[in-house]
Amino acid sequence: MLALGLFLLCTVPSGPRNIIRMISWIPLLGKEGLINSALGAAGVIDQPLDILLFSSLAVVIAYVTS
């Protein structure tokens, strides 16, 4: 029981910070995000790229920048 309490004491404070960091990538990598909008305006793509947000690429980007 003590081990569980110490584990929660150490891990819970960093949880909200990580969640906020992950959510903050949505305006950049989302379907209507900055990157898709810029690529669409430049004529590089015809429709938004799903791979930017819902893929392992997005996970790697989020982890590398954290």
PDB file of N, CA and C in Angstrom:
ATOM      1  N   MET A   1       0.823  -1.193   0.000  1.00  0.00           N
ATOM      2  CA  MET A   1       0.000   0.000   0.000  1.00  0.00           C
ATOM      3  C   MET A   1       0.870   1.261   0.000  1.00  0.00           C
ATOM      4  N   LEU A   2       1.942   1.221   0.768  1.00  0.00           N
ATOM      5  CA  LEU A   2       2.851   2.367   0.814  1.00  0.00           C
ATOM      6  C   LEU A   2       3.514   2.586  -0.540  1.00  0.00           C
ATOM      7  N   ALA A   3       3.876   1.486  -1.209  1.00  0.00           N
ATOM      8  CA  ALA A   3       4.517   1.595  -2.518  1.00  0.00           C
ATOM      9  C   ALA A   3       3.573   2.232  -3.537  1.00  0.00           C
ATOM     10  N   LEU A   4       2.309   1.855  -3.486  1.00  0.00           N
ATOM     11  CA  LEU A   4       1.328   2.447  -4.399  1.00  0.00           C
ATOM     12  C   LEU A   4       1.169   3.937  -4.126  1.00  0.00           C
ATOM     13  N   GLY A   5       1.116   4.313  -2.872  1.00  0.00           N
ATOM     14  CA  GLY A   5       1.004   5.724  -2.508  1.00  0.00           C
ATOM     15  C   GLY A   5       2.196   6.533  -2.982  1.00  0.00           C
ATOM     16  N   LEU A   6       3.391   5.995  -2.818  1.00  0.00           N
ATOM     17  CA  LEU A   6       4.594   6.695  -3.291  1.00  0.00           C
ATOM     18  C   LEU A   6       4.626   6.788  -4.810  1.00  0.00           C
ATOM     19  N   PHE A   7       4.189   5.720  -5.478  1.00  0.00           N
ATOM     20  CA  PHE A   7       4.127   5.739  -6.937  1.00  0.00           C
ATOM     21  C   PHE A   7       3.189   6.842  -7.424  1.00  0.00           C
ATOM     22  N   LEU A   8       2.000   6.915  -6.851  1.00  0.00           N
ATOM     23  CA  LEU A   8       1.033   7.943  -7.247  1.00  0.00           C
ATOM     24  C   LEU A   8       1.543   9.342  -6.916  1.00  0.00           C
ATOM     25  N   LEU A   9       2.208   9.483  -5.794  1.00  0.00           N
ATOM     26  CA  LEU A   9       2.758  10.781  -5.397  1.00  0.00           C
ATOM     27  C   LEU A   9       3.794  11.274  -6.404  1.00  0.00           C
ATOM     28  N   CYS A  10       4.522  10.347  -6.993  1.00  0.00           N
ATOM     29  CA  CYS A  10       5.564  10.718  -7.954  1.00  0.00           C
ATOM     30  C   CYS A  10       5.051  10.891  -9.376  1.00  0.00           C
ATOM     31  N   THR A  11       4.025  10.156  -9.757  1.00  0.00           N
ATOM     32  CA  THR A  11       3.592  10.177 -11.158  1.00  0.00           C
ATOM     33  C   THR A  11       2.411  11.096 -11.456  1.00  0.00           C
ATOM     34  N   VAL A  12       1.525  11.295 -10.527  1.00  0.00           N
ATOM     35  CA  VAL A  12       0.322  12.090 -10.782  1.00  0.00           C
ATOM     36  C   VAL A  12       0.634  13.552 -11.125  1.00  0.00           C
ATOM     37  N   PRO A  13       1.590  14.211 -10.480  1.00  0.00           N
ATOM     38  CA  PRO A  13       1.833  15.620 -10.832  1.00  0.00           C
ATOM     39  C   PRO A  13       2.291  15.846 -12.269  1.00  0.00           C
ATOM     40  N   SER A  14       2.939  14.870 -12.891  1.00  0.00           N
ATOM     41  CA  SER A  14       3.396  15.073 -14.261  1.00  0.00           C
ATOM     42  C   SER A  14       2.322  14.732 -15.289  1.00  0.00           C
ATOM     43  N   GLY A  15       1.233  14.101 -14.894  1.00  0.00           N
ATOM     44  CA  GLY A  15       0.175  13.706 -15.818  1.00  0.00           C
ATOM     45  C   GLY A  15      -0.482  14.861 -16.544  1.00  0.00           C
ATOM     46  N   PRO A  16      -1.007  15.856 -15.841  1.00  0.00           N
ATOM     47  CA  PRO A  16      -1.666  16.968 -16.545  1.00  0.00           C
ATOM     48  C   PRO A  16      -0.731  17.729 -17.480  1.00  0.00           C
ATOM     49  N   ARG A  17       0.512  17.866 -17.114  1.00  0.00           N
ATOM     50  CA  ARG A  17       1.462  18.581 -17.966  1.00  0.00           C
ATOM     51  C   ARG A  17       1.639  17.841 -19.294  1.00  0.00           C
ATOM     52  N   ASN A  18       1.746  16.518 -19.245  1.00  0.00           N
ATOM     53  CA  ASN A  18       1.910  15.738 -20.471  1.00  0.00           C
ATOM     54  C   ASN A  18       0.654  15.772 -21.326  1.00  0.00           C
ATOM     55  N   ILE A  19      -0.498  15.732 -20.708  1.00  0.00           N
ATOM     56  CA  ILE A  19      -1.758  15.783 -21.457  1.00  0.00           C
ATOM     57  C   ILE A  19      -1.907  17.122 -22.158  1.00  0.00           C
ATOM     58  N   ILE A  20      -1.592  18.198 -21.474  1.00  0.00           N
ATOM     59  CA  ILE A  20      -1.670  19.537 -22.082  1.00  0.00           C
ATOM     60  C   ILE A  20      -0.691  19.643 -23.237  1.00  0.00           C
ATOM     61  N   ARG A  21       0.490  19.088 -23.080  1.00  0.00           N
ATOM     62  CA  ARG A  21       1.489  19.133 -24.153  1.00  0.00           C
ATOM     63  C   ARG A  21       1.002  18.367 -25.382  1.00  0.00           C
ATOM     64  N   MET A  22       0.365  17.216 -25.172  1.00  0.00           N
ATOM     65  CA  MET A  22      -0.149  16.434 -26.301  1.00  0.00           C
ATOM     66  C   MET A  22      -1.297  17.157 -26.997  1.00  0.00           C
ATOM     67  N   ILE A  23      -2.197  17.760 -26.229  1.00  0.00           N
ATOM     68  CA  ILE A  23      -3.338  18.460 -26.809  1.00  0.00           C
ATOM     69  C   ILE A  23      -2.886  19.703 -27.579  1.00  0.00           C
ATOM     70  N   SER A  24      -1.788  20.297 -27.169  1.00  0.00           N
ATOM     71  CA  SER A  24      -1.330  21.520 -27.833  1.00  0.00           C
ATOM     72  C   SER A  24      -0.834  21.274 -29.257  1.00  0.00           C
ATOM     73  N   TRP A  25      -0.600  20.033 -29.632  1.00  0.00           N
ATOM     74  CA  TRP A  25      -0.180  19.728 -30.998  1.00  0.00           C
ATOM     75  C   TRP A  25      -1.346  19.709 -31.984  1.00  0.00           C
ATOM     76  N   ILE A  26      -2.573  19.620 -31.513  1.00  0.00           N
ATOM     77  CA  ILE A  26      -3.732  19.525 -32.410  1.00  0.00           C
ATOM     78  C   ILE A  26      -3.858  20.745 -33.331  1.00  0.00           C
ATOM     79  N   PRO A  27      -3.683  21.977 -32.862  1.00  0.00           N
ATOM     80  CA  PRO A  27      -3.786  23.109 -33.800  1.00  0.00           C
ATOM     81  C   PRO A  27      -2.720  23.110 -34.890  1.00  0.00           C
ATOM     82  N   LEU A  28      -1.631  22.440 -34.679  1.00  0.00           N
ATOM     83  CA  LEU A  28      -0.594  22.384 -35.705  1.00  0.00           C
ATOM     84  C   LEU A  28      -0.750  21.188 -36.634  1.00  0.00           C
ATOM     85  N   LEU A  29      -1.048  20.022 -36.063  1.00  0.00           N
ATOM     86  CA  LEU A  29      -1.061  18.785 -36.848  1.00  0.00           C
ATOM     87  C   LEU A  29      -2.446  18.313 -37.264  1.00  0.00           C
ATOM     88  N   GLY A  30      -3.500  18.972 -36.830  1.00  0.00           N
ATOM     89  CA  GLY A  30      -4.863  18.544 -37.118  1.00  0.00           C
ATOM     90  C   GLY A  30      -5.247  18.715 -38.577  1.00  0.00           C
ATOM     91  N   LYS A  31      -6.446  18.210 -38.926  1.00  0.00           N
ATOM     92  CA  LYS A  31      -6.921  18.309 -40.312  1.00  0.00           C
ATOM     93  C   LYS A  31      -7.054  19.757 -40.772  1.00  0.00           C
ATOM     94  N   GLU A  32      -7.444  20.631 -39.874  1.00  0.00           N
ATOM     95  CA  GLU A  32      -7.547  22.049 -40.208  1.00  0.00           C
ATOM     96  C   GLU A  32      -6.439  22.841 -39.528  1.00  0.00           C
ATOM     97  N   GLY A  33      -5.343  22.169 -39.240  1.00  0.00           N
ATOM     98  CA  GLY A  33      -4.231  22.779 -38.528  1.00  0.00           C
ATOM     99  C   GLY A  33      -3.357  23.645 -39.422  1.00  0.00           C
ATOM    100  N   LEU A  34      -2.363  24.206 -38.816  1.00  0.00           N
ATOM    101  CA  LEU A  34      -1.473  25.135 -39.496  1.00  0.00           C
ATOM    102  C   LEU A  34      -0.701  24.473 -40.640  1.00  0.00           C
ATOM    103  N   ILE A  35      -0.197  23.287 -40.411  1.00  0.00           N
ATOM    104  CA  ILE A  35       0.603  22.612 -41.443  1.00  0.00           C
ATOM    105  C   ILE A  35      -0.265  22.217 -42.638  1.00  0.00           C
ATOM    106  N   ASN A  36      -1.424  21.620 -42.382  1.00  0.00           N
ATOM    107  CA  ASN A  36      -2.317  21.249 -43.486  1.00  0.00           C
ATOM    108  C   ASN A  36      -2.816  22.483 -44.228  1.00  0.00           C
ATOM    109  N   SER A  37      -3.101  23.551 -43.506  1.00  0.00           N
ATOM    110  CA  SER A  37      -3.556  24.786 -44.158  1.00  0.00           C
ATOM    111  C   SER A  37      -2.468  25.377 -45.039  1.00  0.00           C
ATOM    112  N   ALA A  38      -1.234  25.371 -44.551  1.00  0.00           N
ATOM    113  CA  ALA A  38      -0.124  25.917 -45.336  1.00  0.00           C
ATOM    114  C   ALA A  38       0.146  25.076 -46.576  1.00  0.00           C
ATOM    115  N   LEU A  39       0.113  23.756 -46.418  1.00  0.00           N
ATOM    116  CA  LEU A  39       0.329  22.888 -47.578  1.00  0.00           C
ATOM    117  C   LEU A  39      -0.802  23.019 -48.591  1.00  0.00           C
ATOM    118  N   GLY A  40      -2.032  23.180 -48.122  1.00  0.00           N
ATOM    119  CA  GLY A  40      -3.162  23.369 -49.029  1.00  0.00           C
ATOM    120  C   GLY A  40      -3.093  24.698 -49.754  1.00  0.00           C
ATOM    121  N   ALA A  41      -2.715  25.745 -49.039  1.00  0.00           N
ATOM    122  CA  ALA A  41      -2.609  27.071 -49.661  1.00  0.00           C
ATOM    123  C   ALA A  41      -1.479  27.119 -50.687  1.00  0.00           C
ATOM    124  N   ALA A  42      -0.421  26.353 -50.441  1.00  0.00           N
ATOM    125  CA  ALA A  42       0.697  26.316 -51.382  1.00  0.00           C
ATOM    126  C   ALA A  42       0.410  25.418 -52.582  1.00  0.00           C
ATOM    127  N   GLY A  43      -0.685  24.674 -52.530  1.00  0.00           N
ATOM    128  CA  GLY A  43      -1.048  23.798 -53.627  1.00  0.00           C
ATOM    129  C   GLY A  43      -0.324  22.462 -53.613  1.00  0.00           C
ATOM    130  N   VAL A  44       0.304  22.130 -52.510  1.00  0.00           N
ATOM    131  CA  VAL A  44       1.040  20.869 -52.418  1.00  0.00           C
ATOM    132  C   VAL A  44       0.089  19.690 -52.242  1.00  0.00           C
ATOM    133  N   ILE A  45      -0.995  19.896 -51.494  1.00  0.00           N
ATOM    134  CA  ILE A  45      -1.968  18.821 -51.252  1.00  0.00           C
ATOM    135  C   ILE A  45      -3.359  19.300 -51.640  1.00  0.00           C
ATOM    136  N   ASP A  46      -4.223  18.341 -52.002  1.00  0.00           N
ATOM    137  CA  ASP A  46      -5.600  18.664 -52.349  1.00  0.00           C
ATOM    138  C   ASP A  46      -6.545  18.494 -51.169  1.00  0.00           C
ATOM    139  N   GLN A  47      -6.241  17.540 -50.296  1.00  0.00           N
ATOM    140  CA  GLN A  47      -7.063  17.304 -49.120  1.00  0.00           C
ATOM    141  C   GLN A  47      -6.152  17.135 -47.902  1.00  0.00           C
ATOM    142  N   PRO A  48      -6.677  17.386 -46.710  1.00  0.00           N
ATOM    143  CA  PRO A  48      -5.844  17.328 -45.509  1.00  0.00           C
ATOM    144  C   PRO A  48      -5.221  15.948 -45.299  1.00  0.00           C
ATOM    145  N   LEU A  49      -4.032  15.952 -44.733  1.00  0.00           N
ATOM    146  CA  LEU A  49      -3.309  14.720 -44.450  1.00  0.00           C
ATOM    147  C   LEU A  49      -3.675  14.221 -43.053  1.00  0.00           C
ATOM    148  N   ASP A  50      -4.193  13.000 -42.979  1.00  0.00           N
ATOM    149  CA  ASP A  50      -4.521  12.402 -41.684  1.00  0.00           C
ATOM    150  C   ASP A  50      -3.275  11.912 -40.954  1.00  0.00           C
ATOM    151  N   ILE A  51      -2.223  11.639 -41.697  1.00  0.00           N
ATOM    152  CA  ILE A  51      -1.024  11.054 -41.101  1.00  0.00           C
ATOM    153  C   ILE A  51      -0.337  12.014 -40.123  1.00  0.00           C
ATOM    154  N   LEU A  52      -0.623  13.283 -40.233  1.00  0.00           N
ATOM    155  CA  LEU A  52       0.034  14.241 -39.350  1.00  0.00           C
ATOM    156  C   LEU A  52      -0.435  14.133 -37.909  1.00  0.00           C
ATOM    157  N   LEU A  53      -1.661  13.712 -37.671  1.00  0.00           N
ATOM    158  CA  LEU A  53      -2.172  13.700 -36.302  1.00  0.00           C
ATOM    159  C   LEU A  53      -2.390  12.307 -35.750  1.00  0.00           C
ATOM    160  N   PHE A  54      -2.943  11.411 -36.516  1.00  0.00           N
ATOM    161  CA  PHE A  54      -3.302  10.082 -36.017  1.00  0.00           C
ATOM    162  C   PHE A  54      -2.356   9.028 -36.543  1.00  0.00           C
ATOM    163  N   SER A  55      -1.092   9.105 -36.148  1.00  0.00           N
ATOM    164  CA  SER A  55      -0.106   8.140 -36.614  1.00  0.00           C
ATOM    165  C   SER A  55       1.064   8.069 -35.646  1.00  0.00           C
ATOM    166  N   SER A  56       1.938   7.141 -35.930  1.00  0.00           N
ATOM    167  CA  SER A  56       3.144   7.034 -35.109  1.00  0.00           C
ATOM    168  C   SER A  56       4.067   8.226 -35.353  1.00  0.00           C
ATOM    169  N   LEU A  57       3.967   8.850 -36.517  1.00  0.00           N
ATOM    170  CA  LEU A  57       4.745  10.062 -36.781  1.00  0.00           C
ATOM    171  C   LEU A  57       4.401  11.167 -35.786  1.00  0.00           C
ATOM    172  N   ALA A  58       3.120  11.337 -35.495  1.00  0.00           N
ATOM    173  CA  ALA A  58       2.703  12.346 -34.533  1.00  0.00           C
ATOM    174  C   ALA A  58       3.208  12.026 -33.129  1.00  0.00           C
ATOM    175  N   VAL A  59       3.241  10.746 -32.787  1.00  0.00           N
ATOM    176  CA  VAL A  59       3.757  10.342 -31.482  1.00  0.00           C
ATOM    177  C   VAL A  59       5.233  10.660 -31.376  1.00  0.00           C
ATOM    178  N   VAL A  60       5.973  10.377 -32.418  1.00  0.00           N
ATOM    179  CA  VAL A  60       7.408  10.658 -32.415  1.00  0.00           C
ATOM    180  C   VAL A  60       7.651  12.165 -32.313  1.00  0.00           C
ATOM    181  N   ILE A  61       6.913  12.963 -33.047  1.00  0.00           N
ATOM    182  CA  ILE A  61       7.060  14.418 -32.982  1.00  0.00           C
ATOM    183  C   ILE A  61       6.786  14.928 -31.580  1.00  0.00           C
ATOM    184  N   ALA A  62       5.728  14.436 -30.963  1.00  0.00           N
ATOM    185  CA  ALA A  62       5.365  14.871 -29.616  1.00  0.00           C
ATOM    186  C   ALA A  62       6.418  14.472 -28.585  1.00  0.00           C
ATOM    187  N   TYR A  63       6.951  13.263 -28.712  1.00  0.00           N
ATOM    188  CA  TYR A  63       7.965  12.810 -27.759  1.00  0.00           C
ATOM    189  C   TYR A  63       9.301  13.518 -27.953  1.00  0.00           C
ATOM    190  N   VAL A  64       9.681  13.759 -29.189  1.00  0.00           N
ATOM    191  CA  VAL A  64      10.967  14.405 -29.452  1.00  0.00           C
ATOM    192  C   VAL A  64      10.984  15.827 -28.922  1.00  0.00           C
ATOM    193  N   THR A  65       9.892  16.507 -29.011  1.00  0.00           N
ATOM    194  CA  THR A  65       9.842  17.902 -28.580  1.00  0.00           C
ATOM    195  C   THR A  65       9.547  18.076 -27.109  1.00  0.00           C
ATOM    196  N   SER A  66       9.274  17.005 -26.386  1.00  0.00           N
ATOM    197  CA  SER A  66       8.942  17.161 -24.965  1.00  0.00           C
ATOM    198  C   SER A  66      10.148  17.151 -24.075  1.00  0.00           C
TER     199      SER A  66
END
